Amino acid sequence: MEVGINGFLAIWILLVALSRVFVGGHYITDIVAGLAIGLAWLLICIAALELLRRR
């Protein structure tokens, strides 16, 4: 079940990001940078939660 939800959310995020390019709101480099920063923040939060869980 989680794989389906995670897959759906990943596709949704990519579609929203790409729609910003098609409507002329952002350049593709802006989208890639935003996704990279978002992914980095997600990984930092997951690492922090794992550290807190182990204590």
Protein backbone atom coordinates (compact mmCIF):
# COMPACT_ATOMS: atom_id res chain seq x y z
CA MET A 1 0.00 0.00 0.00
CA GLU A 2 2.80 2.42 0.90
CA VAL A 3 4.54 1.83 -2.42
CA GLY A 4 1.38 2.82 -4.29
CA ILE A 5 0.91 5.98 -2.25
CA ASN A 6 4.57 6.96 -2.54
CA GLY A 7 4.52 6.32 -6.29
CA PHE A 8 1.37 8.40 -6.70
CA LEU A 9 2.85 11.28 -4.71
CA ALA A 10 6.13 11.17 -6.65
CA ILE A 11 4.26 11.34 -9.95
CA TRP A 12 2.06 14.14 -8.62
CA ILE A 13 5.13 16.18 -7.57
CA LEU A 14 6.75 15.73 -10.99
CA LEU A 15 3.56 16.68 -12.82
CA VAL A 16 3.11 19.84 -10.77
CA ALA A 17 6.77 20.76 -11.29
CA LEU A 18 6.57 20.22 -15.04
CA SER A 19 3.31 22.12 -15.29
CA ARG A 20 5.15 25.22 -14.04
CA VAL A 21 7.40 25.02 -17.10
CA PHE A 22 4.50 24.55 -19.52
CA VAL A 23 2.54 27.54 -18.21
CA GLY A 24 5.67 29.68 -18.44
CA GLY A 25 5.99 30.29 -14.71
CA HIS A 26 9.55 29.04 -14.31
CA TYR A 27 12.59 27.85 -16.22
CA ILE A 28 13.44 24.15 -16.08
CA THR A 29 16.59 24.96 -14.09
CA ASP A 30 14.44 26.61 -11.41
CA ILE A 31 12.32 23.48 -11.18
CA VAL A 32 15.33 21.16 -10.94
CA ALA A 33 16.92 23.35 -8.26
CA GLY A 34 13.68 23.44 -6.27
CA LEU A 35 13.30 19.67 -6.45
CA ALA A 36 16.94 19.16 -5.42
CA ILE A 37 16.59 21.48 -2.43
CA GLY A 38 13.33 19.80 -1.45
CA LEU A 39 14.92 16.36 -1.67
CA ALA A 40 17.93 17.51 0.38
CA TRP A 41 15.63 18.89 3.07
CA LEU A 42 13.62 15.65 3.11
CA LEU A 43 16.80 13.61 3.58
CA ILE A 44 17.97 15.88 6.40
CA CYS A 45 14.61 15.51 8.16
CA ILE A 46 14.63 11.74 7.76
CA ALA A 47 18.18 11.53 9.13
CA ALA A 48 17.26 13.73 12.11
CA LEU A 49 14.22 11.56 12.87
CA GLU A 50 16.30 8.40 12.69
CA LEU A 51 18.83 9.89 15.10
CA LEU A 52 16.07 10.85 17.53
CA ARG A 53 14.49 7.40 17.30
CA ARG A 54 17.77 5.69 18.21
CA ARG A 55 18.18 7.74 21.40
